């Protein structure tokens, strides 16, 4: 690499750090722990879509135009999600959670770094159909208040209903997805989940990179967020999940978030590695 290219790369890294700091201070979205390679790809895609020449120009626009800033936060922090989008994961959860949650007087489930209502309400419906919802508290967290606020509204695009219904049936749904939704879409073309399905959900802003364990859980779900973190922070998150799980509690991850180089004193056993399901054993 030429000296000029090295200098440009160093400047871009500084610009990226300044941009993330700006988003943290302006929108209370702490994305500073993200791995830089995938972050750069998302930033470049965002800039190309808006014909912006540099990260400095993007930062100025994000700071002075709230709509651009919030769109950028969503682009960097939100992963694509859909209701019941992984039949293998749902099947492994159905099989594992029944005996485990039946033994718990009150169960706690943590959905870490949720990307949307779909992440949380998939679990709420699953727990309802397995008969555990009334004795379960779901904690849904994200480091981005904007992402959390959108998920908290509990809405899905009406245009996605047919696809989500097929996903639900493939995952062993016992009713119809419409039984969990308001009958008519709102003025924005979204369908709202029934209020009773959200009554046991607690929403809170939480940062995997800096915050401490806040409860003991029987199940933690974190899909895809770990691969976005830098290696040291990824290990911190795994240690945090281990600390936060009850002994024999379950951790459901994205299969791509490989369980390699675990921190000291962290011990997970694969229950169904193909779907990313592990169990704390010590």
C-alpha atoms as a PDB file:
ATOM      1  CA  UNK A   1       0.000   0.000   0.000  1.00  0.00           C
ATOM      2  CA  UNK A   2       1.353   3.419  -0.947  1.00  0.00           C
ATOM      3  CA  UNK A   3       2.034   6.131   1.624  1.00  0.00           C
ATOM      4  CA  UNK A   4      -0.872   8.136   0.186  1.00  0.00           C
ATOM      5  CA  UNK A   5      -3.265   5.213   0.595  1.00  0.00           C
ATOM      6  CA  UNK A   6      -2.071   4.618   4.166  1.00  0.00           C
ATOM      7  CA  UNK A   7      -2.651   8.281   4.990  1.00  0.00           C
ATOM      8  CA  UNK A   8      -6.151   8.212   3.468  1.00  0.00           C
ATOM      9  CA  UNK A   9      -6.992   5.074   5.441  1.00  0.00           C
ATOM     10  CA  UNK A  10      -5.816   6.708   8.676  1.00  0.00           C
ATOM     11  CA  UNK A  11      -7.915   9.804   7.963  1.00  0.00           C
ATOM     12  CA  UNK A  12     -10.984   7.658   7.218  1.00  0.00           C
ATOM     13  CA  UNK A  13     -10.530   5.805  10.508  1.00  0.00           C
ATOM     14  CA  UNK A  14     -10.408   9.122  12.369  1.00  0.00           C
ATOM     15  CA  UNK A  15     -13.500  10.309  10.478  1.00  0.00           C
ATOM     16  CA  UNK A  16     -15.355   7.099  11.386  1.00  0.00           C
ATOM     17  CA  UNK A  17     -14.451   7.455  15.070  1.00  0.00           C
ATOM     18  CA  UNK A  18     -15.622  11.083  15.078  1.00  0.00           C
ATOM     19  CA  UNK A  19     -18.863  10.146  13.324  1.00  0.00           C
ATOM     20  CA  UNK A  20     -19.675   7.423  15.855  1.00  0.00           C
ATOM     21  CA  UNK A  21     -18.906   9.795  18.723  1.00  0.00           C
ATOM     22  CA  UNK A  22     -21.207  12.374  17.134  1.00  0.00           C
ATOM     23  CA  UNK A  23     -24.057   9.864  16.791  1.00  0.00           C
ATOM     24  CA  UNK A  24     -23.588   8.874  20.426  1.00  0.00           C
ATOM     25  CA  UNK A  25     -23.795  12.450  21.668  1.00  0.00           C
ATOM     26  CA  UNK A  26     -26.517  13.613  19.284  1.00  0.00           C
ATOM     27  CA  UNK A  27     -28.849  10.578  19.226  1.00  0.00           C
ATOM     28  CA  UNK A  28     -27.779   8.603  22.319  1.00  0.00           C
ATOM     29  CA  UNK A  29     -26.850   5.660  20.084  1.00  0.00           C
ATOM     30  CA  UNK A  30     -23.583   4.082  21.192  1.00  0.00           C
ATOM     31  CA  UNK A  31     -22.177   2.258  18.155  1.00  0.00           C
ATOM     32  CA  UNK A  32     -18.519   2.844  18.994  1.00  0.00           C
ATOM     33  CA  UNK A  33     -17.855  -0.833  19.778  1.00  0.00           C
ATOM     34  CA  UNK A  34     -18.742  -2.008  16.276  1.00  0.00           C
ATOM     35  CA  UNK A  35     -16.157  -3.939  14.253  1.00  0.00           C
ATOM     36  CA  UNK A  36     -14.741  -1.490  11.713  1.00  0.00           C
ATOM     37  CA  UNK A  37     -14.769  -3.632   8.543  1.00  0.00           C
ATOM     38  CA  UNK A  38     -18.546  -4.290   8.394  1.00  0.00           C
ATOM     39  CA  UNK A  39     -19.166  -0.778   9.710  1.00  0.00           C
ATOM     40  CA  UNK A  40     -17.230   0.690   6.799  1.00  0.00           C
ATOM     41  CA  UNK A  41     -19.304  -1.292   4.287  1.00  0.00           C
ATOM     42  CA  UNK A  42     -22.548   0.010   5.778  1.00  0.00           C
ATOM     43  CA  UNK A  43     -21.244   3.575   5.830  1.00  0.00           C
ATOM     44  CA  UNK A  44     -20.136   3.405   2.189  1.00  0.00           C
ATOM     45  CA  UNK A  45     -23.505   1.992   1.133  1.00  0.00           C
ATOM     46  CA  UNK A  46     -25.295   4.785   3.010  1.00  0.00           C
ATOM     47  CA  UNK A  47     -23.062   7.418   1.390  1.00  0.00           C
ATOM     48  CA  UNK A  48     -23.520   5.988  -2.115  1.00  0.00           C
ATOM     49  CA  UNK A  49     -27.289   6.023  -1.739  1.00  0.00           C
ATOM     50  CA  UNK A  50     -27.145   9.746  -0.924  1.00  0.00           C
ATOM     51  CA  UNK A  51     -24.240  10.689  -3.203  1.00  0.00           C
ATOM     52  CA  UNK A  52     -22.105  11.961  -0.309  1.00  0.00           C
ATOM     53  CA  UNK A  53     -18.365  12.328  -1.011  1.00  0.00           C
ATOM     54  CA  UNK A  54     -16.862  11.762   2.454  1.00  0.00           C
ATOM     55  CA  UNK A  55     -17.528  10.722   6.025  1.00  0.00           C
ATOM     56  CA  UNK A  56     -17.037  14.322   7.132  1.00  0.00           C
ATOM     57  CA  UNK A  57     -19.847  15.465   4.848  1.00  0.00           C
ATOM     58  CA  UNK A  58     -22.008  12.612   6.115  1.00  0.00           C
ATOM     59  CA  UNK A  59     -21.299  13.620   9.722  1.00  0.00           C
ATOM     60  CA  UNK A  60     -22.302  17.229   9.069  1.00  0.00           C
ATOM     61  CA  UNK A  61     -25.539  16.154   7.398  1.00  0.00           C
ATOM     62  CA  UNK A  62     -26.359  13.625  10.138  1.00  0.00           C
ATOM     63  CA  UNK A  63     -25.821  16.229  12.873  1.00  0.00           C
ATOM     64  CA  UNK A  64     -27.828  19.002  11.231  1.00  0.00           C
ATOM     65  CA  UNK A  65     -30.640  16.927   9.719  1.00  0.00           C
ATOM     66  CA  UNK A  66     -32.378  14.714  12.269  1.00  0.00           C
ATOM     67  CA  UNK A  67     -34.019  12.496   9.649  1.00  0.00           C
ATOM     68  CA  UNK A  68     -30.627  11.702   8.092  1.00  0.00           C
ATOM     69  CA  UNK A  69     -29.075  11.076  11.496  1.00  0.00           C
ATOM     70  CA  UNK A  70     -31.808   8.676  12.600  1.00  0.00           C
ATOM     71  CA  UNK A  71     -31.703   6.889   9.236  1.00  0.00           C
ATOM     72  CA  UNK A  72     -27.944   6.441   9.667  1.00  0.00           C
ATOM     73  CA  UNK A  73     -28.372   5.053  13.192  1.00  0.00           C
ATOM     74  CA  UNK A  74     -30.901   2.539  11.887  1.00  0.00           C
ATOM     75  CA  UNK A  75     -28.612   1.590   9.001  1.00  0.00           C
ATOM     76  CA  UNK A  76     -25.679   0.919  11.328  1.00  0.00           C
ATOM     77  CA  UNK A  77     -27.504  -0.762  14.196  1.00  0.00           C
ATOM     78  CA  UNK A  78     -30.431  -2.652  12.690  1.00  0.00           C
ATOM     79  CA  UNK A  79     -30.052  -6.072  11.135  1.00  0.00           C
ATOM     80  CA  UNK A  80     -32.765  -7.447   8.854  1.00  0.00           C
ATOM     81  CA  UNK A  81     -35.390  -9.235  10.931  1.00  0.00           C
ATOM     82  CA  UNK A  82     -38.629 -11.057  10.217  1.00  0.00           C
ATOM     83  CA  UNK A  83     -41.164 -12.908  12.304  1.00  0.00           C
ATOM     84  CA  UNK A  84     -40.343 -16.612  12.674  1.00  0.00           C
ATOM     85  CA  UNK A  85     -37.587 -16.353  10.064  1.00  0.00           C
ATOM     86  CA  UNK A  86     -35.561 -19.347  11.276  1.00  0.00           C
ATOM     87  CA  UNK A  87     -37.562 -22.606  11.587  1.00  0.00           C
ATOM     88  CA  UNK A  88     -34.561 -24.586  12.888  1.00  0.00           C
ATOM     89  CA  UNK A  89     -34.007 -22.099  15.706  1.00  0.00           C
ATOM     90  CA  UNK A  90     -37.683 -22.046  16.677  1.00  0.00           C
ATOM     91  CA  UNK A  91     -37.877 -25.853  16.607  1.00  0.00           C
ATOM     92  CA  UNK A  92     -34.821 -26.177  18.873  1.00  0.00           C
ATOM     93  CA  UNK A  93     -36.254 -23.581  21.279  1.00  0.00           C
ATOM     94  CA  UNK A  94     -39.640 -25.324  21.408  1.00  0.00           C
ATOM     95  CA  UNK A  95     -37.950 -28.618  22.218  1.00  0.00           C
ATOM     96  CA  UNK A  96     -35.528 -27.248  24.815  1.00  0.00           C
ATOM     97  CA  UNK A  97     -37.588 -24.637  26.630  1.00  0.00           C
ATOM     98  CA  UNK A  98     -40.581 -26.761  27.605  1.00  0.00           C
ATOM     99  CA  UNK A  99     -38.931 -28.952  30.278  1.00  0.00           C
ATOM    100  CA  UNK A 100     -36.645 -26.115  31.399  1.00  0.00           C
ATOM    101  CA  UNK A 101     -39.222 -23.346  31.856  1.00  0.00           C
ATOM    102  CA  UNK A 102     -41.736 -25.755  33.367  1.00  0.00           C
ATOM    103  CA  UNK A 103     -39.317 -26.145  36.299  1.00  0.00           C
ATOM    104  CA  UNK A 104     -39.053 -22.368  36.889  1.00  0.00           C
ATOM    105  CA  UNK A 105     -41.597 -20.582  39.123  1.00  0.00           C
ATOM    106  CA  UNK A 106     -40.946 -17.355  37.185  1.00  0.00           C
ATOM    107  CA  UNK A 107     -38.827 -17.224  34.042  1.00  0.00           C
ATOM    108  CA  UNK A 108     -36.859 -14.286  32.695  1.00  0.00           C
ATOM    109  CA  UNK A 109     -35.857 -13.964  29.034  1.00  0.00           C
ATOM    110  CA  UNK A 110     -33.450 -11.342  27.700  1.00  0.00           C
ATOM    111  CA  UNK A 111     -33.552 -10.329  24.027  1.00  0.00           C
ATOM    112  CA  UNK A 112     -30.220  -8.524  23.696  1.00  0.00           C
ATOM    113  CA  UNK A 113     -29.658  -6.000  20.893  1.00  0.00           C
ATOM    114  CA  UNK A 114     -33.136  -6.486  19.439  1.00  0.00           C
ATOM    115  CA  UNK A 115     -33.400  -5.079  15.929  1.00  0.00           C
ATOM    116  CA  UNK A 116     -37.152  -4.701  15.795  1.00  0.00           C
ATOM    117  CA  UNK A 117     -40.500  -5.805  17.137  1.00  0.00           C
ATOM    118  CA  UNK A 118     -40.144  -9.059  15.202  1.00  0.00           C
ATOM    119  CA  UNK A 119     -37.240 -10.211  17.402  1.00  0.00           C
ATOM    120  CA  UNK A 120     -39.276  -9.856  20.582  1.00  0.00           C
ATOM    121  CA  UNK A 121     -42.769 -10.800  19.467  1.00  0.00           C
ATOM    122  CA  UNK A 122     -41.565 -14.028  17.851  1.00  0.00           C
ATOM    123  CA  UNK A 123     -40.552 -15.119  21.356  1.00  0.00           C
ATOM    124  CA  UNK A 124     -43.715 -13.733  22.958  1.00  0.00           C
ATOM    125  CA  UNK A 125     -45.890 -15.788  20.586  1.00  0.00           C
ATOM    126  CA  UNK A 126     -43.723 -18.878  21.077  1.00  0.00           C
ATOM    127  CA  UNK A 127     -43.994 -18.583  24.862  1.00  0.00           C
ATOM    128  CA  UNK A 128     -47.752 -18.032  24.640  1.00  0.00           C
ATOM    129  CA  UNK A 129     -48.244 -21.149  22.535  1.00  0.00           C
ATOM    130  CA  UNK A 130     -46.048 -23.234  24.821  1.00  0.00           C
ATOM    131  CA  UNK A 131     -48.042 -22.086  27.856  1.00  0.00           C
ATOM    132  CA  UNK A 132     -45.259 -20.100  29.578  1.00  0.00           C
ATOM    133  CA  UNK A 133     -46.049 -16.471  28.718  1.00  0.00           C
ATOM    134  CA  UNK A 134     -47.988 -15.671  31.901  1.00  0.00           C
ATOM    135  CA  UNK A 135     -45.031 -16.734  34.075  1.00  0.00           C
ATOM    136  CA  UNK A 136     -42.330 -15.087  31.960  1.00  0.00           C
ATOM    137  CA  UNK A 137     -40.855 -11.591  31.828  1.00  0.00           C
ATOM    138  CA  UNK A 138     -39.206 -10.575  28.551  1.00  0.00           C
ATOM    139  CA  UNK A 139     -36.481  -7.932  28.718  1.00  0.00           C
ATOM    140  CA  UNK A 140     -35.801  -6.350  25.313  1.00  0.00           C
ATOM    141  CA  UNK A 141     -32.702  -4.142  25.083  1.00  0.00           C
ATOM    142  CA  UNK A 142     -30.740  -2.218  22.494  1.00  0.00           C
ATOM    143  CA  UNK A 143     -27.867   0.257  22.631  1.00  0.00           C
ATOM    144  CA  UNK A 144     -29.842   2.527  20.275  1.00  0.00           C
ATOM    145  CA  UNK A 145     -32.813   4.397  21.724  1.00  0.00           C
ATOM    146  CA  UNK A 146     -34.116   4.985  18.187  1.00  0.00           C
ATOM    147  CA  UNK A 147     -34.106   1.253  17.420  1.00  0.00           C
ATOM    148  CA  UNK A 148     -35.656   0.469  20.793  1.00  0.00           C
ATOM    149  CA  UNK A 149     -38.384   3.072  20.315  1.00  0.00           C
ATOM    150  CA  UNK A 150     -39.358   1.663  16.929  1.00  0.00           C
ATOM    151  CA  UNK A 151     -39.481  -1.887  18.306  1.00  0.00           C
ATOM    152  CA  UNK A 152     -41.470  -0.795  21.366  1.00  0.00           C
ATOM    153  CA  UNK A 153     -44.316   0.374  19.131  1.00  0.00           C
ATOM    154  CA  UNK A 154     -45.039  -3.307  18.406  1.00  0.00           C
ATOM    155  CA  UNK A 155     -45.871  -2.998  14.725  1.00  0.00           C
ATOM    156  CA  UNK A 156     -45.044  -4.904  11.548  1.00  0.00           C
ATOM    157  CA  UNK A 157     -45.597  -3.896   7.909  1.00  0.00           C
ATOM    158  CA  UNK A 158     -48.978  -5.128   6.694  1.00  0.00           C
ATOM    159  CA  UNK A 159     -47.307  -5.852   3.347  1.00  0.00           C
ATOM    160  CA  UNK A 160     -45.215  -8.541   5.077  1.00  0.00           C
ATOM    161  CA  UNK A 161     -48.154 -10.348   6.656  1.00  0.00           C
ATOM    162  CA  UNK A 162     -48.424 -13.149   4.057  1.00  0.00           C
ATOM    163  CA  UNK A 163     -44.694 -13.914   4.302  1.00  0.00           C
ATOM    164  CA  UNK A 164     -44.742 -13.805   8.092  1.00  0.00           C
ATOM    165  CA  UNK A 165     -47.791 -16.081   8.159  1.00  0.00           C
ATOM    166  CA  UNK A 166     -45.945 -18.679   6.087  1.00  0.00           C
ATOM    167  CA  UNK A 167     -42.904 -18.385   8.379  1.00  0.00           C
ATOM    168  CA  UNK A 168     -45.145 -18.866  11.409  1.00  0.00           C
ATOM    169  CA  UNK A 169     -46.759 -22.006   9.996  1.00  0.00           C
ATOM    170  CA  UNK A 170     -43.375 -23.481   8.984  1.00  0.00           C
ATOM    171  CA  UNK A 171     -42.233 -22.962  12.575  1.00  0.00           C
ATOM    172  CA  UNK A 172     -45.097 -25.025  13.944  1.00  0.00           C
ATOM    173  CA  UNK A 173     -47.562 -22.219  14.684  1.00  0.00           C
ATOM    174  CA  UNK A 174     -50.707 -23.575  16.292  1.00  0.00           C
ATOM    175  CA  UNK A 175     -53.174 -20.821  15.386  1.00  0.00           C
ATOM    176  CA  UNK A 176     -53.063 -18.071  12.774  1.00  0.00           C
ATOM    177  CA  UNK A 177     -50.726 -15.111  13.000  1.00  0.00           C
ATOM    178  CA  UNK A 178     -53.787 -12.864  12.632  1.00  0.00           C
ATOM    179  CA  UNK A 179     -54.904 -14.039  16.099  1.00  0.00           C
ATOM    180  CA  UNK A 180     -52.068 -11.961  17.564  1.00  0.00           C
ATOM    181  CA  UNK A 181     -52.622  -8.776  15.539  1.00  0.00           C
ATOM    182  CA  UNK A 182     -55.129  -5.950  15.322  1.00  0.00           C
ATOM    183  CA  UNK A 183     -57.539  -6.492  12.449  1.00  0.00           C
ATOM    184  CA  UNK A 184     -56.834  -3.288  10.494  1.00  0.00           C
ATOM    185  CA  UNK A 185     -53.527  -1.585   9.583  1.00  0.00           C
ATOM    186  CA  UNK A 186     -52.796   1.919  10.834  1.00  0.00           C
ATOM    187  CA  UNK A 187     -52.387   4.979   8.640  1.00  0.00           C
ATOM    188  CA  UNK A 188     -48.756   4.030   7.962  1.00  0.00           C
ATOM    189  CA  UNK A 189     -49.693   0.580   6.666  1.00  0.00           C
ATOM    190  CA  UNK A 190     -48.566  -1.279   9.791  1.00  0.00           C
ATOM    191  CA  UNK A 191     -50.305  -3.968  11.821  1.00  0.00           C
ATOM    192  CA  UNK A 192     -50.103  -3.711  15.613  1.00  0.00           C
ATOM    193  CA  UNK A 193     -49.692  -6.664  17.941  1.00  0.00           C
ATOM    194  CA  UNK A 194     -52.490  -7.065  20.480  1.00  0.00           C
ATOM    195  CA  UNK A 195     -51.730  -5.135  23.701  1.00  0.00           C
ATOM    196  CA  UNK A 196     -52.072  -8.277  25.835  1.00  0.00           C
ATOM    197  CA  UNK A 197     -49.110  -9.810  23.992  1.00  0.00           C
ATOM    198  CA  UNK A 198     -46.876  -6.950  25.096  1.00  0.00           C
ATOM    199  CA  UNK A 199     -47.856  -6.735  28.743  1.00  0.00           C
ATOM    200  CA  UNK A 200     -44.914  -8.859  29.979  1.00  0.00           C
ATOM    201  CA  UNK A 201     -42.279  -7.090  27.849  1.00  0.00           C
ATOM    202  CA  UNK A 202     -39.859  -4.648  29.518  1.00  0.00           C
ATOM    203  CA  UNK A 203     -37.983  -2.347  27.138  1.00  0.00           C
ATOM    204  CA  UNK A 204     -34.680  -0.732  28.146  1.00  0.00           C
ATOM    205  CA  UNK A 205     -31.622   0.862  26.591  1.00  0.00           C
ATOM    206  CA  UNK A 206     -28.538  -1.202  27.342  1.00  0.00           C
ATOM    207  CA  UNK A 207     -24.994  -1.285  25.973  1.00  0.00           C
ATOM    208  CA  UNK A 208     -23.279  -4.676  25.653  1.00  0.00           C
ATOM    209  CA  UNK A 209     -19.880  -2.993  25.481  1.00  0.00           C
ATOM    210  CA  UNK A 210     -20.082  -1.079  28.769  1.00  0.00           C
ATOM    211  CA  UNK A 211     -23.026  -2.102  30.971  1.00  0.00           C
ATOM    212  CA  UNK A 212     -23.002  -4.741  33.710  1.00  0.00           C
ATOM    213  CA  UNK A 213     -25.230  -7.753  34.266  1.00  0.00           C
ATOM    214  CA  UNK A 214     -28.637  -6.619  35.513  1.00  0.00           C
ATOM    215  CA  UNK A 215     -30.538  -9.850  36.274  1.00  0.00           C
ATOM    216  CA  UNK A 216     -30.457 -13.632  36.125  1.00  0.00           C
ATOM    217  CA  UNK A 217     -32.092 -15.176  33.056  1.00  0.00           C
ATOM    218  CA  UNK A 218     -33.285 -18.594  31.975  1.00  0.00           C
ATOM    219  CA  UNK A 219     -32.847 -17.690  28.290  1.00  0.00           C
ATOM    220  CA  UNK A 220     -30.781 -15.038  26.503  1.00  0.00           C
ATOM    221  CA  UNK A 221     -31.288 -14.377  22.797  1.00  0.00           C
ATOM    222  CA  UNK A 222     -28.693 -12.381  20.846  1.00  0.00           C
ATOM    223  CA  UNK A 223     -28.927 -12.804  17.082  1.00  0.00           C
ATOM    224  CA  UNK A 224     -26.132 -11.418  14.952  1.00  0.00           C
ATOM    225  CA  UNK A 225     -24.938  -8.632  17.241  1.00  0.00           C
ATOM    226  CA  UNK A 226     -21.770 -10.377  18.410  1.00  0.00           C
ATOM    227  CA  UNK A 227     -20.275 -10.570  14.922  1.00  0.00           C
ATOM    228  CA  UNK A 228     -20.556  -6.769  14.720  1.00  0.00           C
ATOM    229  CA  UNK A 229     -18.423  -6.244  17.829  1.00  0.00           C
ATOM    230  CA  UNK A 230     -14.663  -5.984  18.017  1.00  0.00           C
ATOM    231  CA  UNK A 231     -12.991  -9.204  19.278  1.00  0.00           C
ATOM    232  CA  UNK A 232     -12.289  -8.004  22.832  1.00  0.00           C
ATOM    233  CA  UNK A 233     -15.831  -6.713  23.239  1.00  0.00           C
ATOM    234  CA  UNK A 234     -17.222  -9.922  21.757  1.00  0.00           C
ATOM    235  CA  UNK A 235     -15.460 -11.846  24.534  1.00  0.00           C
ATOM    236  CA  UNK A 236     -16.791  -9.372  27.086  1.00  0.00           C
ATOM    237  CA  UNK A 237     -20.336  -9.963  25.821  1.00  0.00           C
ATOM    238  CA  UNK A 238     -19.962 -13.749  26.073  1.00  0.00           C
ATOM    239  CA  UNK A 239     -18.660 -13.425  29.630  1.00  0.00           C
ATOM    240  CA  UNK A 240     -21.578 -11.113  30.426  1.00  0.00           C
ATOM    241  CA  UNK A 241     -24.107 -13.613  29.033  1.00  0.00           C
ATOM    242  CA  UNK A 242     -22.482 -16.411  31.044  1.00  0.00           C
ATOM    243  CA  UNK A 243     -22.670 -14.317  34.217  1.00  0.00           C
ATOM    244  CA  UNK A 244     -26.290 -13.370  33.498  1.00  0.00           C
ATOM    245  CA  UNK A 245     -27.553 -16.897  32.810  1.00  0.00           C
ATOM    246  CA  UNK A 246     -28.810 -19.235  35.493  1.00  0.00           C
ATOM    247  CA  UNK A 247     -26.858 -22.480  35.613  1.00  0.00           C
ATOM    248  CA  UNK A 248     -28.232 -24.658  32.791  1.00  0.00           C
ATOM    249  CA  UNK A 249     -29.803 -21.565  31.218  1.00  0.00           C
ATOM    250  CA  UNK A 250     -29.926 -21.310  27.422  1.00  0.00           C
ATOM    251  CA  UNK A 251     -28.165 -18.920  25.054  1.00  0.00           C
ATOM    252  CA  UNK A 252     -29.631 -18.560  21.542  1.00  0.00           C
ATOM    253  CA  UNK A 253     -27.240 -16.929  19.076  1.00  0.00           C
ATOM    254  CA  UNK A 254     -26.929 -16.534  15.346  1.00  0.00           C
ATOM    255  CA  UNK A 255     -25.125 -19.644  14.028  1.00  0.00           C
ATOM    256  CA  UNK A 256     -22.528 -17.341  12.451  1.00  0.00           C
ATOM    257  CA  UNK A 257     -21.511 -16.037  15.884  1.00  0.00           C
ATOM    258  CA  UNK A 258     -19.116 -18.919  16.462  1.00  0.00           C
ATOM    259  CA  UNK A 259     -18.284 -20.019  19.990  1.00  0.00           C
ATOM    260  CA  UNK A 260     -14.511 -19.804  19.693  1.00  0.00           C
ATOM    261  CA  UNK A 261     -11.859 -18.559  22.097  1.00  0.00           C
ATOM    262  CA  UNK A 262     -14.212 -18.320  25.058  1.00  0.00           C
ATOM    263  CA  UNK A 263     -13.043 -16.161  27.968  1.00  0.00           C
ATOM    264  CA  UNK A 264     -11.720 -17.854  31.086  1.00  0.00           C
ATOM    265  CA  UNK A 265     -14.377 -19.344  33.393  1.00  0.00           C
ATOM    266  CA  UNK A 266     -16.981 -19.302  30.608  1.00  0.00           C
ATOM    267  CA  UNK A 267     -18.394 -22.700  29.694  1.00  0.00           C
ATOM    268  CA  UNK A 268     -21.204 -23.289  27.191  1.00  0.00           C
ATOM    269  CA  UNK A 269     -22.277 -26.650  25.787  1.00  0.00           C
ATOM    270  CA  UNK A 270     -23.760 -26.871  22.297  1.00  0.00           C
ATOM    271  CA  UNK A 271     -27.343 -28.119  22.384  1.00  0.00           C
ATOM    272  CA  UNK A 272     -28.058 -27.513  18.710  1.00  0.00           C
ATOM    273  CA  UNK A 273     -25.055 -25.723  17.182  1.00  0.00           C
ATOM    274  CA  UNK A 274     -26.662 -25.606  13.728  1.00  0.00           C
ATOM    275  CA  UNK A 275     -29.313 -23.223  15.055  1.00  0.00           C
ATOM    276  CA  UNK A 276     -27.006 -21.487  17.541  1.00  0.00           C
ATOM    277  CA  UNK A 277     -28.456 -22.912  20.766  1.00  0.00           C
ATOM    278  CA  UNK A 278     -26.092 -23.373  23.739  1.00  0.00           C
ATOM    279  CA  UNK A 279     -26.438 -24.054  27.441  1.00  0.00           C
ATOM    280  CA  UNK A 280     -24.478 -22.776  30.408  1.00  0.00           C
ATOM    281  CA  UNK A 281     -23.057 -25.825  32.168  1.00  0.00           C
ATOM    282  CA  UNK A 282     -20.891 -24.290  34.890  1.00  0.00           C
END
